[in-house]
N, C-alpha and C. Protein backbone atom coordinates (compact mmCIF):
# COMPACT_ATOMS: atom_id res chain seq x y z
N UNK A 1 -7.87 8.79 -10.53
CA UNK A 1 -7.89 8.04 -9.27
C UNK A 1 -6.66 7.12 -9.21
N UNK A 2 -5.97 7.17 -8.12
CA UNK A 2 -4.80 6.31 -7.95
C UNK A 2 -5.26 4.87 -7.75
N UNK A 3 -4.52 3.97 -8.33
CA UNK A 3 -4.83 2.56 -8.25
C UNK A 3 -4.82 2.06 -6.81
N UNK A 4 -5.84 1.32 -6.45
CA UNK A 4 -5.89 0.75 -5.10
C UNK A 4 -4.85 -0.35 -4.96
N UNK A 5 -4.54 -1.00 -6.04
CA UNK A 5 -3.49 -2.03 -6.00
C UNK A 5 -2.18 -1.36 -5.60
N UNK A 6 -1.88 -0.24 -6.23
CA UNK A 6 -0.65 0.48 -5.91
C UNK A 6 -0.66 0.97 -4.46
N UNK A 7 -1.80 1.48 -4.01
CA UNK A 7 -1.90 1.97 -2.64
C UNK A 7 -1.63 0.84 -1.65
N UNK A 8 -2.25 -0.32 -1.87
CA UNK A 8 -2.06 -1.45 -0.96
C UNK A 8 -0.62 -1.95 -1.00
N UNK A 9 -0.05 -2.01 -2.20
CA UNK A 9 1.34 -2.46 -2.35
C UNK A 9 2.29 -1.53 -1.61
N UNK A 10 2.13 -0.24 -1.82
CA UNK A 10 3.03 0.73 -1.17
C UNK A 10 2.84 0.75 0.34
N UNK A 11 1.60 0.58 0.78
CA UNK A 11 1.35 0.58 2.22
C UNK A 11 2.07 -0.59 2.89
N UNK A 12 2.22 -1.70 2.18
CA UNK A 12 2.96 -2.85 2.71
C UNK A 12 4.46 -2.73 2.49
N UNK A 13 4.87 -1.69 1.78
CA UNK A 13 6.30 -1.50 1.53
C UNK A 13 6.85 -2.45 0.49
N UNK A 14 5.98 -2.91 -0.41
CA UNK A 14 6.42 -3.85 -1.46
C UNK A 14 6.81 -3.10 -2.72
N UNK A 15 7.82 -3.59 -3.39
CA UNK A 15 8.13 -3.07 -4.71
C UNK A 15 7.37 -3.92 -5.73
N UNK A 16 7.19 -3.39 -6.92
CA UNK A 16 6.41 -4.09 -7.94
C UNK A 16 6.96 -5.48 -8.24
N UNK A 17 8.27 -5.62 -8.27
CA UNK A 17 8.87 -6.91 -8.61
C UNK A 17 8.45 -8.00 -7.63
N UNK A 18 8.41 -7.66 -6.36
CA UNK A 18 8.06 -8.66 -5.34
C UNK A 18 6.59 -9.06 -5.46
N UNK A 19 5.70 -8.07 -5.56
CA UNK A 19 4.28 -8.39 -5.68
C UNK A 19 4.02 -9.16 -6.97
N UNK A 20 4.64 -8.74 -8.06
CA UNK A 20 4.45 -9.44 -9.34
C UNK A 20 4.86 -10.90 -9.23
N UNK A 21 5.99 -11.15 -8.58
CA UNK A 21 6.45 -12.53 -8.40
C UNK A 21 5.46 -13.33 -7.58
N UNK A 22 4.91 -12.72 -6.53
CA UNK A 22 3.92 -13.39 -5.68
C UNK A 22 2.67 -13.76 -6.49
N UNK A 23 2.33 -12.91 -7.46
CA UNK A 23 1.12 -13.12 -8.26
C UNK A 23 1.37 -13.98 -9.50
N UNK A 24 2.64 -14.21 -9.82
CA UNK A 24 2.97 -15.01 -11.00
C UNK A 24 2.84 -14.24 -12.30
N UNK A 25 3.08 -12.92 -12.23
CA UNK A 25 3.04 -12.09 -13.43
C UNK A 25 4.33 -11.28 -13.50
N UNK A 26 4.52 -10.58 -14.60
CA UNK A 26 5.72 -9.75 -14.74
C UNK A 26 5.52 -8.40 -14.05
N UNK A 27 6.62 -7.77 -13.71
CA UNK A 27 6.57 -6.44 -13.11
C UNK A 27 5.93 -5.46 -14.10
N UNK A 28 6.22 -5.64 -15.39
CA UNK A 28 5.65 -4.75 -16.41
C UNK A 28 4.13 -4.86 -16.45
N UNK A 29 3.61 -6.08 -16.32
CA UNK A 29 2.16 -6.27 -16.34
C UNK A 29 1.53 -5.64 -15.10
N UNK A 30 2.15 -5.82 -13.95
CA UNK A 30 1.63 -5.20 -12.73
C UNK A 30 1.61 -3.68 -12.88
N UNK A 31 2.65 -3.13 -13.44
CA UNK A 31 2.72 -1.69 -13.66
C UNK A 31 1.56 -1.23 -14.55
N UNK A 32 1.26 -2.00 -15.59
CA UNK A 32 0.14 -1.65 -16.48
C UNK A 32 -1.19 -1.72 -15.74
N UNK A 33 -1.34 -2.72 -14.87
CA UNK A 33 -2.56 -2.82 -14.08
C UNK A 33 -2.69 -1.61 -13.14
N UNK A 34 -1.59 -1.25 -12.49
CA UNK A 34 -1.61 -0.13 -11.54
C UNK A 34 -1.92 1.19 -12.23
N UNK A 35 -1.51 1.33 -13.47
CA UNK A 35 -1.73 2.59 -14.20
C UNK A 35 -2.98 2.55 -15.08
N UNK A 36 -3.78 1.48 -14.96
CA UNK A 36 -5.01 1.32 -15.74
C UNK A 36 -4.77 1.38 -17.24
N UNK A 37 -3.62 0.85 -17.67
CA UNK A 37 -3.31 0.79 -19.09
C UNK A 37 -3.89 -0.49 -19.70
N UNK A 38 -3.91 -1.54 -18.90
CA UNK A 38 -4.40 -2.84 -19.33
C UNK A 38 -5.50 -3.29 -18.40
N UNK A 39 -6.54 -3.88 -18.97
CA UNK A 39 -7.60 -4.45 -18.13
C UNK A 39 -7.04 -5.64 -17.36
N UNK A 40 -7.38 -5.70 -16.10
CA UNK A 40 -6.86 -6.75 -15.25
C UNK A 40 -7.65 -8.04 -15.49
N UNK A 41 -6.93 -9.14 -15.59
CA UNK A 41 -7.58 -10.43 -15.78
C UNK A 41 -8.25 -10.84 -14.47
N UNK A 42 -9.36 -11.53 -14.59
CA UNK A 42 -10.15 -11.92 -13.42
C UNK A 42 -9.33 -12.77 -12.46
N UNK A 43 -8.56 -13.73 -12.99
CA UNK A 43 -7.79 -14.61 -12.10
C UNK A 43 -6.74 -13.82 -11.31
N UNK A 44 -6.15 -12.82 -11.93
CA UNK A 44 -5.15 -11.98 -11.25
C UNK A 44 -5.85 -11.09 -10.23
N UNK A 45 -7.01 -10.56 -10.58
CA UNK A 45 -7.78 -9.74 -9.65
C UNK A 45 -8.10 -10.53 -8.39
N UNK A 46 -8.50 -11.78 -8.56
CA UNK A 46 -8.80 -12.64 -7.41
C UNK A 46 -7.56 -12.88 -6.57
N UNK A 47 -6.41 -13.14 -7.22
CA UNK A 47 -5.16 -13.37 -6.48
C UNK A 47 -4.78 -12.15 -5.66
N UNK A 48 -4.94 -10.97 -6.24
CA UNK A 48 -4.60 -9.73 -5.54
C UNK A 48 -5.53 -9.54 -4.34
N UNK A 49 -6.82 -9.82 -4.53
CA UNK A 49 -7.79 -9.68 -3.44
C UNK A 49 -7.44 -10.62 -2.29
N UNK A 50 -7.07 -11.85 -2.61
CA UNK A 50 -6.69 -12.81 -1.57
C UNK A 50 -5.39 -12.36 -0.90
N UNK A 51 -4.42 -11.93 -1.69
CA UNK A 51 -3.12 -11.52 -1.17
C UNK A 51 -3.26 -10.40 -0.14
N UNK A 52 -4.11 -9.40 -0.45
CA UNK A 52 -4.27 -8.25 0.44
C UNK A 52 -5.48 -8.37 1.36
N UNK A 53 -6.21 -9.49 1.26
CA UNK A 53 -7.40 -9.72 2.07
C UNK A 53 -8.40 -8.57 1.93
N UNK A 54 -8.71 -8.23 0.67
CA UNK A 54 -9.71 -7.22 0.37
C UNK A 54 -10.67 -7.79 -0.67
N UNK A 55 -11.80 -7.11 -0.86
CA UNK A 55 -12.76 -7.57 -1.86
C UNK A 55 -12.33 -7.08 -3.25
N UNK A 56 -12.80 -7.79 -4.26
CA UNK A 56 -12.52 -7.35 -5.63
C UNK A 56 -13.23 -6.02 -5.90
N UNK A 57 -14.40 -5.83 -5.30
CA UNK A 57 -15.10 -4.55 -5.47
C UNK A 57 -14.27 -3.39 -4.94
N UNK A 58 -13.57 -3.60 -3.83
CA UNK A 58 -12.71 -2.56 -3.28
C UNK A 58 -11.56 -2.27 -4.26
N UNK A 59 -10.94 -3.32 -4.79
CA UNK A 59 -9.83 -3.12 -5.74
C UNK A 59 -10.28 -2.36 -6.98
N UNK A 60 -11.49 -2.63 -7.43
CA UNK A 60 -12.00 -1.99 -8.64
C UNK A 60 -12.57 -0.60 -8.40
N UNK A 61 -12.63 -0.19 -7.12
CA UNK A 61 -13.14 1.14 -6.80
C UNK A 61 -14.66 1.20 -6.77
N UNK A 62 -15.31 0.05 -6.76
CA UNK A 62 -16.77 -0.01 -6.73
C UNK A 62 -17.28 0.23 -5.31
N UNK A 63 -16.50 -0.18 -4.33
CA UNK A 63 -16.90 -0.08 -2.94
C UNK A 63 -15.76 0.48 -2.10
N UNK A 64 -16.14 1.15 -1.02
CA UNK A 64 -15.15 1.65 -0.06
C UNK A 64 -14.91 0.63 1.05
N UNK A 65 -15.67 -0.44 1.06
CA UNK A 65 -15.54 -1.48 2.08
C UNK A 65 -14.45 -2.45 1.66
N UNK A 66 -13.39 -2.53 2.47
CA UNK A 66 -12.24 -3.36 2.10
C UNK A 66 -12.52 -4.85 2.21
N UNK A 67 -13.23 -5.25 3.26
CA UNK A 67 -13.39 -6.68 3.53
C UNK A 67 -14.84 -7.04 3.77
N UNK A 68 -15.20 -8.21 3.29
CA UNK A 68 -16.51 -8.73 3.64
C UNK A 68 -16.41 -9.34 5.04
N UNK A 69 -17.48 -9.88 5.54
CA UNK A 69 -17.49 -10.42 6.90
C UNK A 69 -16.43 -11.50 7.10
N UNK A 70 -16.33 -12.41 6.14
CA UNK A 70 -15.35 -13.50 6.26
C UNK A 70 -13.92 -12.93 6.25
N UNK A 71 -13.65 -11.97 5.38
CA UNK A 71 -12.33 -11.35 5.34
C UNK A 71 -12.00 -10.61 6.62
N UNK A 72 -13.00 -9.95 7.18
CA UNK A 72 -12.78 -9.21 8.44
C UNK A 72 -12.51 -10.18 9.59
N UNK A 73 -13.22 -11.31 9.60
CA UNK A 73 -12.99 -12.31 10.65
C UNK A 73 -11.58 -12.88 10.54
N UNK A 74 -11.13 -13.11 9.31
CA UNK A 74 -9.76 -13.61 9.08
C UNK A 74 -8.75 -12.58 9.57
N UNK A 75 -8.99 -11.31 9.29
CA UNK A 75 -8.10 -10.24 9.72
C UNK A 75 -8.05 -10.18 11.25
N UNK A 76 -9.19 -10.29 11.88
CA UNK A 76 -9.24 -10.24 13.34
C UNK A 76 -8.46 -11.39 13.96
N UNK A 77 -8.58 -12.59 13.38
CA UNK A 77 -7.83 -13.74 13.90
C UNK A 77 -6.33 -13.51 13.78
N UNK A 78 -5.93 -12.95 12.65
CA UNK A 78 -4.51 -12.66 12.44
C UNK A 78 -4.03 -11.62 13.44
N UNK A 79 -4.81 -10.57 13.62
CA UNK A 79 -4.43 -9.53 14.57
C UNK A 79 -4.34 -10.07 15.99
N UNK A 80 -5.28 -10.92 16.35
CA UNK A 80 -5.23 -11.52 17.69
C UNK A 80 -3.94 -12.31 17.89
N UNK A 81 -3.56 -13.06 16.85
CA UNK A 81 -2.38 -13.92 16.93
C UNK A 81 -1.09 -13.10 17.08
N UNK A 82 -1.04 -11.95 16.40
CA UNK A 82 0.19 -11.16 16.37
C UNK A 82 0.05 -9.81 17.09
N UNK A 83 -0.90 -9.69 17.97
CA UNK A 83 -1.18 -8.42 18.64
C UNK A 83 0.04 -7.85 19.35
N UNK A 84 0.73 -8.67 20.14
CA UNK A 84 1.89 -8.18 20.90
C UNK A 84 2.98 -7.66 19.97
N UNK A 85 3.21 -8.37 18.88
CA UNK A 85 4.21 -7.94 17.90
C UNK A 85 3.83 -6.60 17.28
N UNK A 86 2.56 -6.45 16.94
CA UNK A 86 2.08 -5.19 16.36
C UNK A 86 2.25 -4.04 17.35
N UNK A 87 1.94 -4.28 18.61
CA UNK A 87 2.07 -3.24 19.62
C UNK A 87 3.52 -2.78 19.78
N UNK A 88 4.46 -3.71 19.80
CA UNK A 88 5.88 -3.36 19.90
C UNK A 88 6.30 -2.56 18.67
N UNK A 89 5.89 -3.02 17.49
CA UNK A 89 6.23 -2.35 16.23
C UNK A 89 5.69 -0.92 16.23
N UNK A 90 4.46 -0.72 16.69
CA UNK A 90 3.86 0.61 16.70
C UNK A 90 4.64 1.58 17.58
N UNK A 91 5.27 1.08 18.62
CA UNK A 91 6.00 1.95 19.54
C UNK A 91 7.35 2.40 18.98
N UNK A 92 7.83 1.74 17.94
CA UNK A 92 9.10 2.11 17.34
C UNK A 92 8.95 3.39 16.54
N UNK A 93 10.05 4.14 16.38
CA UNK A 93 9.98 5.31 15.53
C UNK A 93 9.98 4.88 14.06
N UNK A 94 9.72 5.82 13.17
CA UNK A 94 9.57 5.52 11.74
C UNK A 94 10.82 4.85 11.17
N UNK A 95 11.98 5.33 11.57
CA UNK A 95 13.24 4.77 11.07
C UNK A 95 13.36 3.29 11.43
N UNK A 96 13.09 2.96 12.69
CA UNK A 96 13.20 1.57 13.13
C UNK A 96 12.12 0.70 12.48
N UNK A 97 10.93 1.25 12.29
CA UNK A 97 9.88 0.49 11.59
C UNK A 97 10.32 0.15 10.17
N UNK A 98 10.91 1.12 9.48
CA UNK A 98 11.38 0.88 8.11
C UNK A 98 12.50 -0.15 8.10
N UNK A 99 13.38 -0.10 9.09
CA UNK A 99 14.47 -1.06 9.17
C UNK A 99 13.91 -2.47 9.40
N UNK A 100 12.97 -2.60 10.32
CA UNK A 100 12.36 -3.91 10.59
C UNK A 100 11.67 -4.42 9.33
N UNK A 101 10.94 -3.55 8.64
CA UNK A 101 10.25 -3.96 7.42
C UNK A 101 11.24 -4.43 6.36
N UNK A 102 12.35 -3.74 6.23
CA UNK A 102 13.38 -4.14 5.26
C UNK A 102 13.96 -5.50 5.61
N UNK A 103 14.20 -5.73 6.88
CA UNK A 103 14.72 -7.03 7.32
C UNK A 103 13.72 -8.13 7.00
N UNK A 104 12.45 -7.89 7.26
CA UNK A 104 11.42 -8.89 6.96
C UNK A 104 11.38 -9.19 5.47
N UNK A 105 11.49 -8.17 4.63
CA UNK A 105 11.48 -8.38 3.18
C UNK A 105 12.68 -9.21 2.73
N UNK A 106 13.84 -8.96 3.31
CA UNK A 106 15.04 -9.73 2.97
C UNK A 106 14.86 -11.19 3.38
N UNK A 107 14.36 -11.41 4.57
CA UNK A 107 14.13 -12.78 5.04
C UNK A 107 13.13 -13.48 4.13
N UNK A 108 12.08 -12.78 3.74
CA UNK A 108 11.07 -13.36 2.86
C UNK A 108 11.68 -13.75 1.51
N UNK A 109 12.54 -12.89 0.98
CA UNK A 109 13.19 -13.17 -0.30
C UNK A 109 14.05 -14.43 -0.21
N UNK A 110 14.83 -14.55 0.87
CA UNK A 110 15.66 -15.74 1.06
C UNK A 110 14.81 -16.99 1.26
N UNK A 111 13.69 -16.86 1.96
CA UNK A 111 12.78 -17.98 2.17
C UNK A 111 12.22 -18.46 0.84
N UNK A 112 11.82 -17.52 -0.01
CA UNK A 112 11.28 -17.88 -1.34
C UNK A 112 12.36 -18.57 -2.17
N UNK A 113 13.58 -18.07 -2.11
CA UNK A 113 14.68 -18.67 -2.85
C UNK A 113 14.94 -20.09 -2.36
N UNK A 114 14.93 -20.27 -1.06
CA UNK A 114 15.15 -21.58 -0.46
C UNK A 114 14.05 -22.56 -0.89
N UNK A 115 12.81 -22.10 -0.94
CA UNK A 115 11.70 -22.94 -1.36
C UNK A 115 11.82 -23.33 -2.83
N UNK A 116 12.23 -22.38 -3.68
CA UNK A 116 12.41 -22.70 -5.10
C UNK A 116 13.52 -23.73 -5.29
N UNK A 117 14.60 -23.55 -4.56
CA UNK A 117 15.71 -24.50 -4.64
C UNK A 117 15.30 -25.89 -4.13
N UNK A 118 14.49 -25.92 -3.09
CA UNK A 118 14.02 -27.20 -2.54
C UNK A 118 13.11 -27.91 -3.54
N UNK A 119 12.29 -27.14 -4.27
CA UNK A 119 11.42 -27.74 -5.29
C UNK A 119 12.25 -28.40 -6.39
N UNK A 120 13.37 -27.76 -6.76
CA UNK A 120 14.24 -28.31 -7.80
C UNK A 120 14.87 -29.63 -7.34
N UNK A 121 15.17 -29.72 -6.06
CA UNK A 121 15.80 -30.92 -5.50
C UNK A 121 14.80 -32.07 -5.45
N UNK A 122 13.55 -31.74 -5.09
CA UNK A 122 12.50 -32.78 -5.00
C UNK A 122 12.14 -33.25 -6.35
């Protein structure tokens, strides 16, 4: 069975290094989790569930239900807020969607760098 963590990561267009940094672990450790080589620590499992807005049962393959009621309500609020943006994105062809996603990832990387630098200054 393919790792659900890997499926969610790839669906978002994330590379292991970016997700690992978001979770505060190494890329090597994330790779081991994705390949079921190492048992995932509970605190990391919780972080991944929050990051992707899914249940831990879904990540572990215990359930096919991605979100509990609270998670689904959160998802609906987010979709409502960004509905117009999602609709425009859906109308783009695959090439343009990939380009937009790449631009967003670059902006996110620079934002994270800026935040780290600001923490050092404070």
